[in-house]
Amino acid sequence: MNIIILGAGQVGSSLAEALVSEANDITLIDQSEESLRLLADRLDVRTVVGNGALPSVLKSAGIRSADLLIAVTHSDQNNLVACKIACQQFAVPARIARLRSADFLDEELLSERNFAVDFALCPEQEISDYIAKLIEYPEALQVVEFAEGRLTLVGVRAHAGGLLVGQPIRAMRDHLPAGVDARIAAIFRETRPIEPDGDTLVQEGDEVFLLAASEHIRVVLQELRSVQGPVRNVLIAGGGNIGARVAQRLENECRVKLVERDAERAAAVAAQLERTLVLAGEATDENLLIQQGIGETDMFLALTNDDEDNIMAASLAKRLGCQRVLALINRRAYAEMVEGGPIDIGLSPAQISIGSLLTHIRQAEVARIHRLRRGAAEAVELVVKGDRRNSRVVGRRIEELPRIPGAHICAVLRGPAVIIPHHDTLIESGDHVVVFCTRKRQIAAVEKLFQARSGLF
């Protein structure tokens, strides 16, 4: 596809990196010449310096031949105007906009006769939903869902004392109650993927991805480690869009405190929230954290716009006795460096948003995409279409399918049933199949395998 991306920030650059590896023609537009130069040095992309909301800039970027416009600048207004121009003046077939303000998330406002946005992405809302899931499963590193919540994939660190640590994977079945089935979708050991089979031993410190029906996932988690108690007390650093949204999401379920350095912003956030205690101060202030009972806090969330402040505040909170800490970290190198040390979870906002965008961009029958381990792996929910004549998967057992190294079918959803498949499981038309890819470069091959084509056989 010929794709134009407006905005070379974290979301735009991460998206360009994901799409350029899939043989798409990518053009990036941004007003920062330096940002574009750095991207062009490492990615095979075309760059245009300018304001992407201007028709002249869009023309110079080749908008007339574009299949898709993705507007992910920091300005909602620019993103909306660009989609409107792309549709009405240049007839671009598909338009996606990043919108930070909830005021713009109106179906009529985004319709073709108004701003002509086919899909609106609100990163702040996606991140809030994601963090809420981590609060629900406090022992998890990542929690993602498929099939509208019927299937859950959880990434956890295997700790000593878990029933499966030091034992082969096949032993898990002996511990699970009758009627409960699960799959270890992948294991990462010191950042290296291990392709699991029944004889694979789970070691302490392994990052393990467990997949099961959502109603069974908590029982399955007990296999790898002791399940932590529910999160009751939360302290949030940062009263920006994300911090305020997360506080609003959690305040009816937990005791929430929020620390914001800007007194004026703190007052504004306090007026929006009903049950959250909002404090004006620095989250890196040791005395303030002690005064607010950080040692008895179940979860500390560092959600400011500054990576360094988030790392420092989360590390301090952990040292002062907080049970679990999370830091929002935009720079991938920072997230990889700190996670697993004093910081339990280093969260990349761009990588969370990218899954939703890719779901709407990929041309295969994709129902959901989740990027895992900061983009190194992906889990994809694909819809099986066609019949045995025009599909390479319909009517075939899993053992008969072409083998793609690093890609494994982990679950099959057939109607209301969640099936943990085996080598002889038959794939049927209409199935939703969840595939875990430990190597993201194999994703295109997976999607090609599941595409139905006329005259294939």
Protein backbone atom coordinates (compact mmCIF):
# COMPACT_ATOMS: atom_id res chain seq x y z
CA MET A 1 0.00 0.00 0.00
CA ASN A 2 0.94 3.62 -0.51
CA ILE A 3 0.60 5.15 2.96
CA ILE A 4 1.09 8.74 4.10
CA ILE A 5 1.70 9.30 7.82
CA LEU A 6 1.31 12.76 9.33
CA GLY A 7 3.44 13.17 12.45
CA ALA A 8 6.89 11.74 13.18
CA GLY A 9 6.46 11.52 16.95
CA GLN A 10 6.46 8.29 18.96
CA VAL A 11 3.25 6.93 17.42
CA GLY A 12 4.07 7.98 13.86
CA SER A 13 7.65 6.70 13.93
CA SER A 14 6.67 3.38 15.57
CA LEU A 15 3.91 2.91 13.01
CA ALA A 16 6.26 3.70 10.13
CA GLU A 17 8.76 1.16 11.47
CA ALA A 18 6.07 -1.53 11.66
CA LEU A 19 4.62 -0.85 8.21
CA VAL A 20 7.81 -0.34 6.23
CA SER A 21 8.90 -3.88 7.13
CA GLU A 22 5.75 -5.20 5.42
CA ALA A 23 6.60 -3.91 1.93
CA ASN A 24 4.48 -0.76 2.11
CA ASP A 25 5.49 2.55 0.51
CA ILE A 26 5.63 5.03 3.40
CA THR A 27 5.80 8.83 3.26
CA LEU A 28 6.21 10.73 6.54
CA ILE A 29 5.19 14.38 6.94
CA ASP A 30 6.34 16.46 9.90
CA GLN A 31 7.32 20.06 10.60
CA SER A 32 10.55 18.94 12.30
CA GLU A 33 13.28 18.42 9.73
CA GLU A 34 15.52 16.87 12.40
CA SER A 35 12.94 14.23 13.39
CA LEU A 36 12.45 13.25 9.76
CA ARG A 37 16.19 13.07 9.11
CA LEU A 38 16.71 10.69 12.03
CA LEU A 39 13.92 8.42 10.77
CA ALA A 40 15.13 8.48 7.18
CA ASP A 41 18.59 7.42 8.37
CA ARG A 42 17.25 4.12 9.73
CA LEU A 43 14.05 3.45 7.75
CA ASP A 44 13.35 3.16 4.03
CA VAL A 45 10.79 5.98 3.99
CA ARG A 46 10.21 9.16 2.01
CA THR A 47 9.97 12.34 4.09
CA VAL A 48 8.34 15.72 3.51
CA VAL A 49 8.86 18.73 5.78
CA GLY A 50 5.72 20.81 6.35
CA ASN A 51 2.27 21.10 7.87
CA GLY A 52 0.26 18.06 6.77
CA ALA A 53 -3.03 19.93 7.09
CA LEU A 54 -2.11 22.08 4.06
CA PRO A 55 -3.19 20.83 0.60
CA SER A 56 0.09 21.96 -0.96
CA VAL A 57 2.13 19.84 1.48
CA LEU A 58 -0.15 16.84 0.93
CA LYS A 59 0.30 17.23 -2.84
CA SER A 60 4.08 17.25 -2.53
CA ALA A 61 3.82 14.04 -0.46
CA GLY A 62 1.96 12.30 -3.31
CA ILE A 63 -1.52 12.32 -1.79
CA ARG A 64 -3.19 11.73 -5.17
CA SER A 65 -1.80 8.18 -5.32
CA ALA A 66 -2.20 7.37 -1.61
CA ASP A 67 -4.27 4.40 -0.46
CA LEU A 68 -4.33 5.50 3.18
CA LEU A 69 -3.75 8.64 5.23
CA ILE A 70 -2.84 8.27 8.91
CA ALA A 71 -2.87 11.57 10.80
CA VAL A 72 -1.17 11.14 14.19
CA THR A 73 0.22 14.60 14.94
CA HIS A 74 -0.21 16.11 18.41
CA SER A 75 -2.90 18.46 17.06
CA ASP A 76 -6.45 17.08 16.88
CA GLN A 77 -7.44 19.96 14.64
CA ASN A 78 -4.66 19.29 12.12
CA ASN A 79 -5.49 15.60 12.05
CA LEU A 80 -9.17 16.27 11.38
CA VAL A 81 -8.52 18.87 8.69
CA ALA A 82 -6.04 16.58 6.94
CA CYS A 83 -8.58 13.74 6.81
CA LYS A 84 -11.26 16.10 5.47
CA ILE A 85 -8.97 17.41 2.70
CA ALA A 86 -7.70 13.93 1.85
CA CYS A 87 -11.26 12.68 1.37
CA GLN A 88 -12.96 15.60 -0.39
CA GLN A 89 -10.14 17.06 -2.44
CA PHE A 90 -7.98 14.01 -3.20
CA ALA A 91 -10.39 11.04 -2.79
CA VAL A 92 -8.02 9.06 -0.56
CA PRO A 93 -9.85 5.75 0.05
CA ALA A 94 -9.16 5.46 3.81
CA ARG A 95 -8.35 7.96 6.59
CA ILE A 96 -7.28 7.43 10.21
CA ALA A 97 -6.93 10.19 12.82
CA ARG A 98 -5.41 10.34 16.28
CA LEU A 99 -7.70 12.35 18.58
CA ARG A 100 -6.76 13.23 22.13
CA SER A 101 -9.91 15.17 23.08
CA ALA A 102 -13.06 13.18 23.83
CA ASP A 103 -15.09 16.10 22.41
CA PHE A 104 -14.16 15.00 18.89
CA LEU A 105 -15.08 11.33 19.38
CA ASP A 106 -18.55 11.75 17.96
CA GLU A 107 -19.84 9.44 15.22
CA GLU A 108 -21.66 12.16 13.32
CA LEU A 109 -18.73 14.59 13.57
CA LEU A 110 -16.39 11.97 12.12
CA SER A 111 -18.77 10.86 9.35
CA GLU A 112 -17.84 11.30 5.70
CA ARG A 113 -20.00 14.38 5.28
CA ASN A 114 -18.11 16.09 8.09
CA PHE A 115 -14.46 15.25 8.91
CA ALA A 116 -14.43 11.92 7.00
CA VAL A 117 -12.49 9.86 9.57
CA ASP A 118 -12.84 6.11 9.05
CA PHE A 119 -11.16 5.22 12.33
CA ALA A 120 -10.35 7.45 15.29
CA LEU A 121 -7.60 6.46 17.70
CA CYS A 122 -7.54 7.91 21.22
CA PRO A 123 -4.16 6.81 22.69
CA GLU A 124 -4.95 8.17 26.14
CA GLN A 125 -8.09 6.02 26.33
CA GLU A 126 -6.23 2.94 25.05
CA ILE A 127 -3.52 3.40 27.67
CA SER A 128 -6.10 3.93 30.43
CA ASP A 129 -7.89 0.70 29.47
CA TYR A 130 -4.56 -1.14 29.33
CA ILE A 131 -3.48 0.04 32.79
CA ALA A 132 -6.88 -0.90 34.21
CA LYS A 133 -6.26 -4.48 33.05
CA LEU A 134 -2.86 -4.48 34.77
CA ILE A 135 -4.58 -3.34 37.96
CA GLU A 136 -7.01 -6.26 37.59
CA TYR A 137 -4.08 -8.69 37.23
CA PRO A 138 -1.34 -7.11 39.40
CA GLU A 139 1.06 -10.04 38.89
CA ALA A 140 1.06 -9.51 35.10
CA LEU A 141 3.54 -7.73 32.83
CA GLN A 142 1.02 -7.55 29.98
CA VAL A 143 -2.68 -8.37 29.67
CA VAL A 144 -4.47 -8.40 26.31
CA GLU A 145 -7.82 -9.76 25.18
CA PHE A 146 -9.25 -11.35 22.04
CA ALA A 147 -12.72 -12.23 20.77
CA GLU A 148 -14.34 -9.28 22.56
CA GLY A 149 -12.95 -10.34 25.92
CA ARG A 150 -13.62 -14.09 25.80
CA LEU A 151 -9.94 -15.00 25.54
CA THR A 152 -7.11 -13.50 27.61
CA LEU A 153 -3.34 -13.57 27.08
CA VAL A 154 -1.24 -12.72 30.13
CA GLY A 155 2.52 -12.26 30.28
CA VAL A 156 4.06 -12.99 33.69
CA ARG A 157 7.47 -13.49 35.25
CA ALA A 158 7.91 -17.07 36.50
CA HIS A 159 8.89 -16.91 40.17
CA ALA A 160 10.18 -19.57 42.53
CA GLY A 161 7.32 -21.30 44.29
CA GLY A 162 5.08 -21.51 41.23
CA LEU A 163 3.81 -25.02 40.60
CA LEU A 164 5.30 -25.21 37.11
CA VAL A 165 8.76 -23.72 37.70
CA GLY A 166 11.38 -26.43 37.17
CA GLN A 167 8.84 -28.78 35.60
CA PRO A 168 7.97 -29.57 31.97
CA ILE A 169 5.07 -27.67 30.44
CA ARG A 170 3.05 -30.88 30.07
CA ALA A 171 2.82 -31.05 33.89
CA MET A 172 0.50 -28.03 33.90
CA ARG A 173 -2.41 -30.21 32.84
CA ASP A 174 -2.04 -32.31 35.99
CA HIS A 175 -2.64 -29.27 38.22
CA LEU A 176 -5.54 -27.63 36.40
CA PRO A 177 -9.12 -28.37 37.54
CA ALA A 178 -11.38 -30.42 35.30
CA GLY A 179 -12.76 -28.37 32.42
CA VAL A 180 -9.95 -25.80 32.51
CA ASP A 181 -7.53 -25.75 29.60
CA ALA A 182 -4.71 -23.35 28.76
CA ARG A 183 -1.71 -22.91 26.51
CA ILE A 184 1.74 -21.49 27.13
CA ALA A 185 1.94 -19.45 23.95
CA ALA A 186 5.57 -18.40 24.29
CA ILE A 187 8.52 -18.21 26.65
CA PHE A 188 11.21 -15.53 26.59
CA ARG A 189 14.39 -16.32 28.50
CA GLU A 190 16.80 -13.39 28.90
CA THR A 191 15.09 -11.69 25.90
CA ARG A 192 15.53 -14.81 23.72
CA PRO A 193 12.35 -16.60 22.51
CA ILE A 194 12.04 -20.29 23.40
CA GLU A 195 9.69 -22.33 21.22
CA PRO A 196 7.82 -24.34 23.86
CA ASP A 197 6.75 -27.96 23.62
CA GLY A 198 5.56 -30.40 26.25
CA ASP A 199 9.09 -31.14 27.43
CA THR A 200 10.20 -27.51 27.81
CA LEU A 201 11.16 -26.66 31.40
CA VAL A 202 9.97 -23.33 32.82
CA GLN A 203 12.80 -21.61 34.68
CA GLU A 204 12.66 -18.95 37.36
CA GLY A 205 12.80 -15.53 35.72
CA ASP A 206 11.28 -16.66 32.42
CA GLU A 207 8.78 -14.29 30.84
CA VAL A 208 5.86 -16.60 30.10
CA PHE A 209 2.75 -15.85 28.02
CA LEU A 210 -0.31 -17.80 29.14
CA LEU A 211 -3.49 -18.04 27.04
CA ALA A 212 -6.86 -19.25 28.32
CA ALA A 213 -10.55 -18.50 28.32
CA SER A 214 -11.01 -15.31 30.33
CA GLU A 215 -13.03 -17.01 33.08
CA HIS A 216 -10.16 -19.48 33.64
CA ILE A 217 -7.11 -17.24 33.40
CA ARG A 218 -6.77 -16.52 37.13
CA VAL A 219 -6.76 -20.23 37.96
CA VAL A 220 -4.09 -20.79 35.30
CA LEU A 221 -1.91 -17.96 36.66
CA GLN A 222 -1.48 -19.89 39.90
CA GLU A 223 0.59 -22.40 37.94
CA LEU A 224 3.49 -20.00 37.54
CA ARG A 225 3.43 -17.86 40.65
CA SER A 226 1.41 -16.95 43.72
CA VAL A 227 -1.45 -14.72 42.70
CA GLN A 228 -1.26 -11.32 44.39
CA GLY A 229 -4.16 -9.88 46.31
CA PRO A 230 -6.39 -7.26 44.71
CA VAL A 231 -5.09 -3.72 44.29
CA ARG A 232 -6.79 -1.42 46.79
CA ASN A 233 -4.44 1.58 47.09
CA VAL A 234 -3.05 3.40 44.05
CA LEU A 235 -0.78 6.44 43.86
CA ILE A 236 -0.52 8.19 40.48
CA ALA A 237 2.27 10.58 39.52
CA GLY A 238 1.13 13.03 36.86
CA GLY A 239 -2.18 14.79 36.30
CA GLY A 240 -2.00 15.05 32.51
CA ASN A 241 -4.52 13.50 30.12
CA ILE A 242 -3.40 9.96 30.89
CA GLY A 243 -3.05 10.36 34.66
CA ALA A 244 -6.46 12.03 34.97
CA ARG A 245 -8.14 9.37 32.80
CA VAL A 246 -6.61 6.54 34.81
CA ALA A 247 -7.64 8.14 38.10
CA GLN A 248 -11.19 8.57 36.84
CA ARG A 249 -11.25 4.95 35.69
CA LEU A 250 -9.99 3.59 39.03
CA GLU A 251 -11.45 5.89 41.68
CA ASN A 252 -14.67 3.90 42.12
CA GLU A 253 -12.77 0.65 42.63
CA CYS A 254 -9.63 1.72 44.53
CA ARG A 255 -8.41 4.39 46.92
CA VAL A 256 -6.62 6.72 44.53
CA LYS A 257 -4.18 9.55 45.21
CA LEU A 258 -2.72 11.70 42.45
CA VAL A 259 0.37 13.94 42.64
CA GLU A 260 0.71 16.79 40.13
CA ARG A 261 3.61 19.26 40.18
CA ASP A 262 1.67 22.16 38.60
CA ALA A 263 -0.69 23.65 41.21
CA GLU A 264 -3.06 25.09 38.62
CA ARG A 265 -3.34 21.79 36.79
CA ALA A 266 -3.78 19.96 40.10
CA ALA A 267 -6.76 22.19 40.92
CA ALA A 268 -8.31 21.55 37.50
CA VAL A 269 -7.91 17.77 37.84
CA ALA A 270 -9.32 17.82 41.37
CA ALA A 271 -12.43 19.53 40.03
CA GLN A 272 -12.90 16.75 37.44
CA LEU A 273 -12.52 13.84 39.84
CA GLU A 274 -14.98 12.84 42.54
CA ARG A 275 -13.17 10.47 44.89
CA THR A 276 -9.48 10.97 44.11
CA LEU A 277 -7.24 12.89 46.52
CA VAL A 278 -5.22 15.31 44.36
CA LEU A 279 -1.98 16.72 45.76
CA ALA A 280 0.20 19.52 44.37
CA GLY A 281 3.80 18.39 44.63
CA GLU A 282 6.69 16.42 43.17
CA ALA A 283 6.40 12.63 42.88
CA THR A 284 10.18 12.43 43.30
CA ASP A 285 9.88 14.05 46.75
CA GLU A 286 10.75 11.27 49.21
CA ASN A 287 9.04 13.00 52.16
CA LEU A 288 5.80 13.46 50.22
CA LEU A 289 5.70 9.78 49.24
CA ILE A 290 6.35 8.68 52.81
CA GLN A 291 3.64 11.01 54.10
CA GLN A 292 1.16 9.50 51.64
CA GLY A 293 1.90 5.97 52.81
CA ILE A 294 3.87 4.70 49.84
CA GLY A 295 4.97 1.64 51.86
CA GLU A 296 1.34 0.52 52.11
CA THR A 297 0.51 1.35 48.47
CA ASP A 298 -0.29 -1.61 46.22
CA MET A 299 0.49 0.10 42.90
CA PHE A 300 2.43 3.21 41.95
CA LEU A 301 1.82 4.59 38.45
CA ALA A 302 4.33 7.12 37.07
CA LEU A 303 2.36 8.72 34.20
CA THR A 304 3.97 12.12 33.62
CA ASN A 305 5.19 13.29 30.21
CA ASP A 306 8.85 13.01 31.28
CA ASP A 307 10.58 9.62 30.97
CA GLU A 308 13.35 10.50 33.41
CA ASP A 309 10.92 11.73 36.07
CA ASN A 310 8.83 8.58 35.66
CA ILE A 311 11.86 6.34 36.06
CA MET A 312 13.11 8.24 39.10
CA ALA A 313 9.70 8.41 40.80
CA ALA A 314 8.92 4.72 40.20
CA SER A 315 12.36 3.62 41.40
CA LEU A 316 12.00 5.73 44.54
CA ALA A 317 8.51 4.37 45.23
CA LYS A 318 9.82 0.81 44.96
CA ARG A 319 12.73 1.54 47.29
CA LEU A 320 10.30 3.02 49.83
CA GLY A 321 8.29 -0.20 49.92
CA CYS A 322 5.59 0.05 47.24
CA GLN A 323 4.58 -3.44 46.22
CA ARG A 324 4.47 -2.87 42.45
CA VAL A 325 5.45 0.08 40.25
CA LEU A 326 4.78 1.04 36.65
CA ALA A 327 6.45 3.78 34.61
CA LEU A 328 5.25 5.27 31.35
CA ILE A 329 8.36 5.38 29.15
CA ASN A 330 8.36 6.66 25.58
CA ARG A 331 11.93 5.78 24.69
CA ARG A 332 12.14 2.07 23.90
CA ALA A 333 15.76 1.81 25.01
CA TYR A 334 14.80 3.18 28.45
CA ALA A 335 11.91 0.72 28.83
CA GLU A 336 14.09 -2.28 27.97
CA MET A 337 16.81 -1.07 30.33
CA VAL A 338 14.72 -0.51 33.46
CA GLU A 339 12.06 -3.23 33.34
CA GLY A 340 12.88 -6.18 35.56
CA GLY A 341 15.02 -4.02 37.88
CA PRO A 342 13.38 -1.79 40.48
CA ILE A 343 10.62 -1.01 37.96
CA ASP A 344 8.18 -3.88 37.44
CA ILE A 345 6.59 -2.59 34.22
CA GLY A 346 7.96 -0.13 31.69
CA LEU A 347 5.03 0.86 29.50
CA SER A 348 5.45 2.27 25.98
CA PRO A 349 2.40 4.37 24.96
CA ALA A 350 3.19 4.07 21.25
CA GLN A 351 3.35 0.27 21.34
CA ILE A 352 -0.07 0.08 23.01
CA SER A 353 -1.66 2.32 20.37
CA ILE A 354 0.00 0.59 17.46
CA GLY A 355 -2.03 -2.61 17.82
CA SER A 356 -5.33 -0.82 17.20
CA LEU A 357 -3.88 1.00 14.21
CA LEU A 358 -2.44 -2.15 12.66
CA THR A 359 -5.77 -3.94 13.10
CA HIS A 360 -7.37 -1.37 10.79
CA ILE A 361 -4.49 -1.22 8.33
CA ARG A 362 -3.58 -4.83 7.68
CA GLN A 363 -5.32 -6.23 4.60
CA ALA A 364 -5.83 -9.80 5.81
CA GLU A 365 -8.97 -10.78 7.74
CA VAL A 366 -7.59 -9.40 10.99
CA ALA A 367 -9.93 -9.03 13.96
CA ARG A 368 -7.33 -7.90 16.53
CA ILE A 369 -3.61 -7.31 16.82
CA HIS A 370 -1.65 -6.88 20.03
CA ARG A 371 2.02 -5.92 20.02
CA LEU A 372 3.98 -7.60 22.79
CA ARG A 373 7.37 -7.10 24.41
CA ARG A 374 7.65 -3.54 23.07
CA GLY A 375 6.96 -4.61 19.49
CA ALA A 376 9.33 -7.59 19.31
CA ALA A 377 6.39 -10.03 19.11
CA GLU A 378 2.73 -9.95 18.08
CA ALA A 379 -0.42 -11.90 18.80
CA VAL A 380 -2.94 -11.79 15.95
CA GLU A 381 -6.59 -12.82 15.84
CA LEU A 382 -7.47 -13.83 12.27
CA VAL A 383 -10.88 -14.66 10.81
CA VAL A 384 -10.84 -17.79 8.64
CA LYS A 385 -12.67 -17.24 5.33
CA GLY A 386 -13.32 -19.34 2.23
CA ASP A 387 -13.47 -23.11 1.70
CA ARG A 388 -11.09 -25.95 0.99
CA ARG A 389 -10.81 -24.92 -2.68
CA ASN A 390 -9.63 -21.37 -2.13
CA SER A 391 -8.07 -21.49 1.35
CA ARG A 392 -4.83 -23.06 2.49
CA VAL A 393 -6.18 -23.62 6.01
CA VAL A 394 -9.91 -24.48 5.81
CA GLY A 395 -10.59 -28.20 6.27
CA ARG A 396 -7.00 -28.91 7.30
CA ARG A 397 -5.53 -30.05 10.57
CA ILE A 398 -2.95 -27.82 12.23
CA GLU A 399 -0.26 -30.44 11.60
CA GLU A 400 -0.99 -30.20 7.85
CA LEU A 401 -0.42 -26.44 7.64
CA PRO A 402 2.88 -25.02 6.33
CA ARG A 403 5.26 -24.44 9.20
CA ILE A 404 6.24 -20.81 9.82
CA PRO A 405 9.16 -20.64 12.30
CA GLY A 406 8.29 -18.49 15.28
CA ALA A 407 4.52 -18.61 14.65
CA HIS A 408 2.13 -20.87 16.55
CA ILE A 409 -1.66 -21.29 16.56
CA CYS A 410 -2.54 -20.94 20.24
CA ALA A 411 -6.33 -20.80 20.27
CA VAL A 412 -9.34 -21.38 18.02
CA LEU A 413 -12.66 -19.64 18.71
CA ARG A 414 -15.62 -21.40 17.11
CA GLY A 415 -18.94 -19.80 17.94
CA PRO A 416 -19.12 -19.53 21.74
CA ALA A 417 -16.45 -22.22 22.24
CA VAL A 418 -12.84 -21.45 23.14
CA ILE A 419 -10.64 -24.30 21.89
CA ILE A 420 -7.04 -24.80 23.01
CA PRO A 421 -5.90 -26.66 19.89
CA HIS A 422 -3.69 -29.69 19.36
CA HIS A 423 -1.85 -30.94 16.29
CA ASP A 424 -4.98 -32.70 14.96
CA THR A 425 -7.42 -29.78 15.46
CA LEU A 426 -9.32 -29.07 12.23
CA ILE A 427 -9.63 -25.45 11.04
CA GLU A 428 -13.11 -24.50 9.79
CA SER A 429 -14.43 -21.51 7.87
CA GLY A 430 -15.67 -18.85 10.29
CA ASP A 431 -13.18 -19.77 13.01
CA HIS A 432 -11.25 -17.03 14.77
CA VAL A 433 -7.66 -18.21 15.13
CA VAL A 434 -5.15 -16.60 17.51
CA VAL A 435 -1.54 -16.86 16.33
CA PHE A 436 1.44 -15.88 18.51
CA CYS A 437 4.45 -14.67 16.51
CA THR A 438 7.70 -14.50 18.46
CA ARG A 439 9.40 -13.05 15.39
CA LYS A 440 7.51 -10.09 13.98
CA ARG A 441 9.08 -10.54 10.54
CA GLN A 442 6.94 -13.70 10.12
CA ILE A 443 3.63 -11.86 10.52
CA ALA A 444 3.22 -11.15 6.80
CA ALA A 445 3.65 -14.87 6.05
CA VAL A 446 1.01 -15.75 8.67
CA GLU A 447 -1.52 -13.32 7.24
CA LYS A 448 -0.83 -14.54 3.70
CA LEU A 449 -1.44 -18.14 4.81
CA PHE A 450 -4.89 -17.25 6.14
CA GLN A 451 -6.04 -15.17 3.16
CA ALA A 452 -8.62 -16.84 0.93
CA ARG A 453 -7.85 -16.38 -2.76
CA SER A 454 -9.91 -17.24 -5.80
CA GLY A 455 -8.27 -19.81 -8.04
CA LEU A 456 -5.61 -20.74 -5.48
CA PHE A 457 -6.05 -24.46 -6.09
